[in-house]
Amino acid sequence: MIVAVVPAAGIGKRFGSGANKPFLHLCGKPLIIWSLETLHSVNAVREIIPVLKEEDMEQGRKIFESYGFSKIKRISPGGKERQDSVYNGLKLVEDKDCMVIIHDGVRPLIGKDLVEKLIDELKDFDGAVLSVPVKDTIKEAEDEIVKKTLKRDSLWAIQTPQIFSFRTISGAYEKAIEEGFYATDDAALVEKYGGNIKIVMGSYRNIKITTPEDMAIAEFLLTKK
């Protein structure tokens, strides 16, 4: 059994004041619906747990019902940071022997084929993540002064979804919460406690909506399938 946790409780600082990103319309549908539809279409995914700001939960419930998402049985309230939100979602997972997919609700262009590929690649690893090789030269800097240029052919831009066994990811989250350790993605928590993470080739289309410009790019990509 696979449960998908979909965090979408961010406040969208870089999107502009008053923006409620998960429900902004993208090509005629609320942004979060795109990723939920893809996850709902994957047979191996048996349950989806969206994570929303508390004030958005009722609106979300009505919207999800209108799209007939039978795999959504509960909605989790978000937390202060993304990591807190995912942890809240994990606490609602009932089957402790399941696998958990974690996917950002603001990555609308994820394809069903990539989700299924990720599931197949978990196998003997503690986690698997979609990633793409970086295209740009990356420099490490301090106080706006370049310290060194990193070797580009060993660098990957990490995406979601990411997949883990429930016991692996929940255990890593519990330790991190206890220690007050925060990371920018879920796999980093598993890495911190000795887990092996498999890199799975993702797609440059699988962008995260962070700014209004990203919405324009997503609209273009969706109309040019």
C-alpha atoms as a PDB file:
ATOM      1  CA  MET A   1       0.000   0.000   0.000  1.00  0.00           C
ATOM      2  CA  ILE A   2       1.186   3.502  -0.818  1.00  0.00           C
ATOM      3  CA  VAL A   3      -0.048   6.667   0.894  1.00  0.00           C
ATOM      4  CA  ALA A   4       0.679  10.066  -0.665  1.00  0.00           C
ATOM      5  CA  VAL A   5       1.199  13.082   1.598  1.00  0.00           C
ATOM      6  CA  VAL A   6       0.807  16.349  -0.316  1.00  0.00           C
ATOM      7  CA  PRO A   7       1.995  19.455   1.570  1.00  0.00           C
ATOM      8  CA  ALA A   8       0.321  22.657   0.367  1.00  0.00           C
ATOM      9  CA  ALA A   9       0.228  24.815   3.491  1.00  0.00           C
ATOM     10  CA  GLY A  10       2.924  27.355   2.631  1.00  0.00           C
ATOM     11  CA  ILE A  11       2.236  31.059   2.967  1.00  0.00           C
ATOM     12  CA  GLY A  12       3.670  31.910  -0.460  1.00  0.00           C
ATOM     13  CA  LYS A  13       5.927  34.808   0.580  1.00  0.00           C
ATOM     14  CA  ARG A  14       7.538  35.063  -2.853  1.00  0.00           C
ATOM     15  CA  PHE A  15       4.208  34.949  -4.648  1.00  0.00           C
ATOM     16  CA  GLY A  16       2.920  38.241  -3.285  1.00  0.00           C
ATOM     17  CA  SER A  17       0.728  39.249  -0.379  1.00  0.00           C
ATOM     18  CA  GLY A  18      -2.710  37.715  -0.197  1.00  0.00           C
ATOM     19  CA  ALA A  19      -1.894  34.888  -2.582  1.00  0.00           C
ATOM     20  CA  ASN A  20      -3.448  31.541  -1.664  1.00  0.00           C
ATOM     21  CA  LYS A  21      -1.271  29.459  -3.951  1.00  0.00           C
ATOM     22  CA  PRO A  22      -2.886  25.992  -3.772  1.00  0.00           C
ATOM     23  CA  PHE A  23      -6.200  27.393  -4.994  1.00  0.00           C
ATOM     24  CA  LEU A  24      -4.956  29.826  -7.629  1.00  0.00           C
ATOM     25  CA  HIS A  25      -6.275  28.735 -11.007  1.00  0.00           C
ATOM     26  CA  LEU A  26      -3.893  27.204 -13.514  1.00  0.00           C
ATOM     27  CA  CYS A  27      -5.424  26.538 -16.923  1.00  0.00           C
ATOM     28  CA  GLY A  28      -8.908  26.444 -15.427  1.00  0.00           C
ATOM     29  CA  LYS A  29      -8.247  24.338 -12.319  1.00  0.00           C
ATOM     30  CA  PRO A  30      -6.941  25.081  -8.804  1.00  0.00           C
ATOM     31  CA  LEU A  31      -3.179  24.594  -8.774  1.00  0.00           C
ATOM     32  CA  ILE A  32      -3.200  21.727  -6.257  1.00  0.00           C
ATOM     33  CA  ILE A  33      -5.718  19.760  -8.333  1.00  0.00           C
ATOM     34  CA  TRP A  34      -3.156  19.024 -11.049  1.00  0.00           C
ATOM     35  CA  SER A  35      -0.861  17.007  -8.786  1.00  0.00           C
ATOM     36  CA  LEU A  36      -3.775  15.401  -6.936  1.00  0.00           C
ATOM     37  CA  GLU A  37      -5.275  14.173 -10.222  1.00  0.00           C
ATOM     38  CA  THR A  38      -1.977  12.565 -11.184  1.00  0.00           C
ATOM     39  CA  LEU A  39      -1.537  10.840  -7.832  1.00  0.00           C
ATOM     40  CA  HIS A  40      -5.195   9.721  -7.888  1.00  0.00           C
ATOM     41  CA  SER A  41      -4.601   8.054 -11.268  1.00  0.00           C
ATOM     42  CA  VAL A  42      -1.758   5.850  -9.940  1.00  0.00           C
ATOM     43  CA  ASN A  43      -3.250   2.481  -9.013  1.00  0.00           C
ATOM     44  CA  ALA A  44      -0.631   1.749  -6.347  1.00  0.00           C
ATOM     45  CA  VAL A  45      -1.585   4.904  -4.432  1.00  0.00           C
ATOM     46  CA  ARG A  46      -4.435   3.920  -2.123  1.00  0.00           C
ATOM     47  CA  GLU A  47      -4.801   7.092  -0.052  1.00  0.00           C
ATOM     48  CA  ILE A  48      -3.904  10.764  -0.464  1.00  0.00           C
ATOM     49  CA  ILE A  49      -3.514  13.114   2.513  1.00  0.00           C
ATOM     50  CA  PRO A  50      -3.389  16.798   1.478  1.00  0.00           C
ATOM     51  CA  VAL A  51      -1.899  19.180   4.052  1.00  0.00           C
ATOM     52  CA  LEU A  52      -3.468  22.636   4.089  1.00  0.00           C
ATOM     53  CA  LYS A  53      -3.504  25.719   6.266  1.00  0.00           C
ATOM     54  CA  GLU A  54      -6.193  25.281   8.898  1.00  0.00           C
ATOM     55  CA  GLU A  55      -8.235  28.141   7.479  1.00  0.00           C
ATOM     56  CA  ASP A  56      -8.181  26.450   4.053  1.00  0.00           C
ATOM     57  CA  MET A  57      -9.242  22.969   5.131  1.00  0.00           C
ATOM     58  CA  GLU A  58     -12.997  23.428   4.651  1.00  0.00           C
ATOM     59  CA  GLN A  59     -12.547  25.070   1.260  1.00  0.00           C
ATOM     60  CA  GLY A  60     -10.169  22.280   0.285  1.00  0.00           C
ATOM     61  CA  ARG A  61     -12.595  19.579   1.390  1.00  0.00           C
ATOM     62  CA  LYS A  62     -15.362  21.025  -0.797  1.00  0.00           C
ATOM     63  CA  ILE A  63     -13.086  21.368  -3.814  1.00  0.00           C
ATOM     64  CA  PHE A  64     -11.697  17.850  -3.459  1.00  0.00           C
ATOM     65  CA  GLU A  65     -15.192  16.410  -3.158  1.00  0.00           C
ATOM     66  CA  SER A  66     -16.246  18.266  -6.301  1.00  0.00           C
ATOM     67  CA  TYR A  67     -13.455  16.515  -8.219  1.00  0.00           C
ATOM     68  CA  GLY A  68     -14.471  13.103  -6.878  1.00  0.00           C
ATOM     69  CA  PHE A  69     -11.189  12.304  -5.144  1.00  0.00           C
ATOM     70  CA  SER A  70     -12.248   9.121  -3.379  1.00  0.00           C
ATOM     71  CA  LYS A  71      -8.675   8.454  -2.216  1.00  0.00           C
ATOM     72  CA  ILE A  72      -8.761  11.585  -0.039  1.00  0.00           C
ATOM     73  CA  LYS A  73     -10.248  10.419   3.240  1.00  0.00           C
ATOM     74  CA  ARG A  74      -8.750  13.055   5.543  1.00  0.00           C
ATOM     75  CA  ILE A  75      -6.969  16.405   5.340  1.00  0.00           C
ATOM     76  CA  SER A  76      -4.142  17.384   7.672  1.00  0.00           C
ATOM     77  CA  PRO A  77      -3.609  20.872   9.094  1.00  0.00           C
ATOM     78  CA  GLY A  78      -0.303  22.478   8.213  1.00  0.00           C
ATOM     79  CA  GLY A  79       2.457  23.540  10.573  1.00  0.00           C
ATOM     80  CA  LYS A  80       4.801  26.494  10.919  1.00  0.00           C
ATOM     81  CA  GLU A  81       7.326  25.127   8.394  1.00  0.00           C
ATOM     82  CA  ARG A  82       6.989  22.645   5.531  1.00  0.00           C
ATOM     83  CA  GLN A  83       8.677  20.004   7.672  1.00  0.00           C
ATOM     84  CA  ASP A  84       6.069  20.489  10.409  1.00  0.00           C
ATOM     85  CA  SER A  85       3.312  20.173   7.810  1.00  0.00           C
ATOM     86  CA  VAL A  86       4.642  16.905   6.411  1.00  0.00           C
ATOM     87  CA  TYR A  87       5.043  15.555   9.943  1.00  0.00           C
ATOM     88  CA  ASN A  88       1.395  16.388  10.649  1.00  0.00           C
ATOM     89  CA  GLY A  89       0.417  14.483   7.513  1.00  0.00           C
ATOM     90  CA  LEU A  90       2.521  11.478   8.459  1.00  0.00           C
ATOM     91  CA  LYS A  91       0.791  11.299  11.836  1.00  0.00           C
ATOM     92  CA  LEU A  92      -2.492  10.578  10.023  1.00  0.00           C
ATOM     93  CA  VAL A  93      -1.116   7.502   8.232  1.00  0.00           C
ATOM     94  CA  GLU A  94      -2.779   4.447   9.746  1.00  0.00           C
ATOM     95  CA  ASP A  95      -0.968   1.597   7.976  1.00  0.00           C
ATOM     96  CA  LYS A  96       2.506   1.595   9.509  1.00  0.00           C
ATOM     97  CA  ASP A  97       3.742  -0.970   6.956  1.00  0.00           C
ATOM     98  CA  CYS A  98       2.957   1.187   3.927  1.00  0.00           C
ATOM     99  CA  MET A  99       5.173   3.198   1.609  1.00  0.00           C
ATOM    100  CA  VAL A 100       4.814   6.976   1.646  1.00  0.00           C
ATOM    101  CA  ILE A 101       5.100   9.303  -1.325  1.00  0.00           C
ATOM    102  CA  ILE A 102       5.625  12.961  -0.444  1.00  0.00           C
ATOM    103  CA  HIS A 103       4.868  15.426  -3.228  1.00  0.00           C
ATOM    104  CA  ASP A 104       4.628  19.211  -3.179  1.00  0.00           C
ATOM    105  CA  GLY A 105       1.120  20.369  -4.024  1.00  0.00           C
ATOM    106  CA  VAL A 106       2.628  23.202  -6.056  1.00  0.00           C
ATOM    107  CA  ARG A 107       4.395  20.936  -8.571  1.00  0.00           C
ATOM    108  CA  PRO A 108       1.508  20.579 -11.025  1.00  0.00           C
ATOM    109  CA  LEU A 109       3.328  19.033 -13.993  1.00  0.00           C
ATOM    110  CA  ILE A 110       4.338  15.723 -12.451  1.00  0.00           C
ATOM    111  CA  GLY A 111       3.463  12.848 -14.777  1.00  0.00           C
ATOM    112  CA  LYS A 112       1.927   9.511 -13.849  1.00  0.00           C
ATOM    113  CA  ASP A 113       4.834   7.729 -15.569  1.00  0.00           C
ATOM    114  CA  LEU A 114       7.369   9.446 -13.291  1.00  0.00           C
ATOM    115  CA  VAL A 115       5.427   8.539 -10.140  1.00  0.00           C
ATOM    116  CA  GLU A 116       5.279   4.891 -11.217  1.00  0.00           C
ATOM    117  CA  LYS A 117       8.980   4.940 -12.146  1.00  0.00           C
ATOM    118  CA  LEU A 118       9.842   6.310  -8.696  1.00  0.00           C
ATOM    119  CA  ILE A 119       7.831   3.565  -6.986  1.00  0.00           C
ATOM    120  CA  ASP A 120       9.658   0.885  -8.994  1.00  0.00           C
ATOM    121  CA  GLU A 121      13.081   2.309  -8.095  1.00  0.00           C
ATOM    122  CA  LEU A 122      12.719   2.222  -4.281  1.00  0.00           C
ATOM    123  CA  LYS A 123      13.611  -1.483  -3.968  1.00  0.00           C
ATOM    124  CA  ASP A 124      16.678  -1.931  -1.742  1.00  0.00           C
ATOM    125  CA  PHE A 125      17.077   1.728  -0.775  1.00  0.00           C
ATOM    126  CA  ASP A 126      15.837   3.732   2.189  1.00  0.00           C
ATOM    127  CA  GLY A 127      14.356   6.320  -0.139  1.00  0.00           C
ATOM    128  CA  ALA A 128      14.164   7.408  -3.757  1.00  0.00           C
ATOM    129  CA  VAL A 129      13.894  10.953  -5.123  1.00  0.00           C
ATOM    130  CA  LEU A 130      13.225  12.463  -8.520  1.00  0.00           C
ATOM    131  CA  SER A 131      16.095  14.688  -9.613  1.00  0.00           C
ATOM    132  CA  VAL A 132      17.586  16.349 -12.691  1.00  0.00           C
ATOM    133  CA  PRO A 133      21.218  17.264 -13.387  1.00  0.00           C
ATOM    134  CA  VAL A 134      21.863  20.978 -12.830  1.00  0.00           C
ATOM    135  CA  LYS A 135      22.387  22.980 -16.018  1.00  0.00           C
ATOM    136  CA  ASP A 136      24.038  26.070 -14.581  1.00  0.00           C
ATOM    137  CA  THR A 137      27.465  26.488 -13.071  1.00  0.00           C
ATOM    138  CA  ILE A 138      27.052  26.528  -9.280  1.00  0.00           C
ATOM    139  CA  LYS A 139      29.372  28.580  -7.078  1.00  0.00           C
ATOM    140  CA  GLU A 140      29.649  28.513  -3.311  1.00  0.00           C
ATOM    141  CA  ALA A 141      29.841  32.026  -1.860  1.00  0.00           C
ATOM    142  CA  GLU A 142      30.046  33.782   1.473  1.00  0.00           C
ATOM    143  CA  ASP A 143      29.122  37.450   1.951  1.00  0.00           C
ATOM    144  CA  GLU A 144      28.706  37.696  -1.830  1.00  0.00           C
ATOM    145  CA  ILE A 145      32.298  36.551  -2.394  1.00  0.00           C
ATOM    146  CA  VAL A 146      32.869  33.352  -4.394  1.00  0.00           C
ATOM    147  CA  LYS A 147      34.695  30.705  -2.377  1.00  0.00           C
ATOM    148  CA  LYS A 148      34.745  27.941  -4.967  1.00  0.00           C
ATOM    149  CA  THR A 149      33.064  26.571  -8.074  1.00  0.00           C
ATOM    150  CA  LEU A 150      31.376  23.232  -7.522  1.00  0.00           C
ATOM    151  CA  LYS A 151      31.787  20.322  -9.904  1.00  0.00           C
ATOM    152  CA  ARG A 152      28.606  20.459 -11.939  1.00  0.00           C
ATOM    153  CA  ASP A 153      28.559  16.867 -13.170  1.00  0.00           C
ATOM    154  CA  SER A 154      28.032  15.600  -9.618  1.00  0.00           C
ATOM    155  CA  LEU A 155      25.210  18.023  -8.749  1.00  0.00           C
ATOM    156  CA  TRP A 156      21.503  17.245  -8.986  1.00  0.00           C
ATOM    157  CA  ALA A 157      18.455  19.462  -8.507  1.00  0.00           C
ATOM    158  CA  ILE A 158      16.115  17.534  -6.225  1.00  0.00           C
ATOM    159  CA  GLN A 159      12.388  17.413  -6.925  1.00  0.00           C
ATOM    160  CA  THR A 160       9.326  15.729  -5.521  1.00  0.00           C
ATOM    161  CA  PRO A 161       7.754  13.242  -5.318  1.00  0.00           C
ATOM    162  CA  GLN A 162      10.039  11.332  -2.976  1.00  0.00           C
ATOM    163  CA  ILE A 163       9.244   7.869  -1.630  1.00  0.00           C
ATOM    164  CA  PHE A 164      10.160   6.000   1.565  1.00  0.00           C
ATOM    165  CA  SER A 165       8.845   3.227   3.748  1.00  0.00           C
ATOM    166  CA  PHE A 166       6.601   4.735   6.396  1.00  0.00           C
ATOM    167  CA  ARG A 167       8.793   3.466   9.214  1.00  0.00           C
ATOM    168  CA  THR A 168      11.933   4.994   7.658  1.00  0.00           C
ATOM    169  CA  ILE A 169      10.534   8.462   7.012  1.00  0.00           C
ATOM    170  CA  SER A 170       8.452   8.686  10.197  1.00  0.00           C
ATOM    171  CA  GLY A 171      11.441   7.586  12.275  1.00  0.00           C
ATOM    172  CA  ALA A 172      13.647  10.223  10.649  1.00  0.00           C
ATOM    173  CA  TYR A 173      10.992  12.886  11.226  1.00  0.00           C
ATOM    174  CA  GLU A 174      10.581  11.974  14.877  1.00  0.00           C
ATOM    175  CA  LYS A 175      14.339  12.206  15.491  1.00  0.00           C
ATOM    176  CA  ALA A 176      14.591  15.499  13.616  1.00  0.00           C
ATOM    177  CA  ILE A 177      11.689  17.032  15.530  1.00  0.00           C
ATOM    178  CA  GLU A 178      13.235  15.942  18.832  1.00  0.00           C
ATOM    179  CA  GLU A 179      16.586  17.498  17.864  1.00  0.00           C
ATOM    180  CA  GLY A 180      15.113  20.634  16.311  1.00  0.00           C
ATOM    181  CA  PHE A 181      16.804  19.799  12.999  1.00  0.00           C
ATOM    182  CA  TYR A 182      15.186  21.260   9.882  1.00  0.00           C
ATOM    183  CA  ALA A 183      16.018  20.456   6.262  1.00  0.00           C
ATOM    184  CA  THR A 184      14.709  21.682   2.921  1.00  0.00           C
ATOM    185  CA  ASP A 185      13.565  18.266   1.714  1.00  0.00           C
ATOM    186  CA  ASP A 186      12.403  14.987   3.199  1.00  0.00           C
ATOM    187  CA  ALA A 187      15.283  12.852   1.940  1.00  0.00           C
ATOM    188  CA  ALA A 188      17.774  15.039   3.825  1.00  0.00           C
ATOM    189  CA  LEU A 189      16.284  13.800   7.105  1.00  0.00           C
ATOM    190  CA  VAL A 190      16.741  10.165   6.088  1.00  0.00           C
ATOM    191  CA  GLU A 191      20.295  10.962   4.929  1.00  0.00           C
ATOM    192  CA  LYS A 192      21.098  12.581   8.277  1.00  0.00           C
ATOM    193  CA  TYR A 193      20.314   9.365  10.107  1.00  0.00           C
ATOM    194  CA  GLY A 194      22.313   7.116   7.782  1.00  0.00           C
ATOM    195  CA  GLY A 195      19.802   6.240   5.076  1.00  0.00           C
ATOM    196  CA  ASN A 196      20.731   5.509   1.453  1.00  0.00           C
ATOM    197  CA  ILE A 197      18.824   7.556  -1.111  1.00  0.00           C
ATOM    198  CA  LYS A 198      18.407   6.533  -4.758  1.00  0.00           C
ATOM    199  CA  ILE A 199      18.521   9.252  -7.425  1.00  0.00           C
ATOM    200  CA  VAL A 200      15.855   8.727 -10.107  1.00  0.00           C
ATOM    201  CA  MET A 201      15.898  10.833 -13.275  1.00  0.00           C
ATOM    202  CA  GLY A 202      13.042  13.304 -13.153  1.00  0.00           C
ATOM    203  CA  SER A 203      11.901  15.905 -15.667  1.00  0.00           C
ATOM    204  CA  TYR A 204      12.785  19.544 -16.238  1.00  0.00           C
ATOM    205  CA  ARG A 205       9.033  20.072 -16.731  1.00  0.00           C
ATOM    206  CA  ASN A 206       8.403  19.159 -13.094  1.00  0.00           C
ATOM    207  CA  ILE A 207       8.750  22.733 -11.870  1.00  0.00           C
ATOM    208  CA  LYS A 208       7.748  24.099  -8.493  1.00  0.00           C
ATOM    209  CA  ILE A 209       5.441  27.118  -8.500  1.00  0.00           C
ATOM    210  CA  THR A 210       7.191  29.696  -6.341  1.00  0.00           C
ATOM    211  CA  THR A 211       6.679  33.018  -8.167  1.00  0.00           C
ATOM    212  CA  PRO A 212       4.084  34.442 -10.596  1.00  0.00           C
ATOM    213  CA  GLU A 213       6.593  33.841 -13.385  1.00  0.00           C
ATOM    214  CA  ASP A 214       6.477  30.113 -12.603  1.00  0.00           C
ATOM    215  CA  MET A 215       2.717  30.122 -13.156  1.00  0.00           C
ATOM    216  CA  ALA A 216       3.237  31.603 -16.624  1.00  0.00           C
ATOM    217  CA  ILE A 217       5.816  28.917 -17.431  1.00  0.00           C
ATOM    218  CA  ALA A 218       3.499  26.168 -16.185  1.00  0.00           C
ATOM    219  CA  GLU A 219       0.623  27.513 -18.291  1.00  0.00           C
ATOM    220  CA  PHE A 220       2.849  27.490 -21.357  1.00  0.00           C
ATOM    221  CA  LEU A 221       4.038  23.928 -20.717  1.00  0.00           C
ATOM    222  CA  LEU A 222       0.504  22.645 -20.114  1.00  0.00           C
ATOM    223  CA  THR A 223      -0.731  24.139 -23.385  1.00  0.00           C
ATOM    224  CA  LYS A 224       2.239  22.716 -25.320  1.00  0.00           C
ATOM    225  CA  LYS A 225       1.948  19.053 -24.271  1.00  0.00           C
END
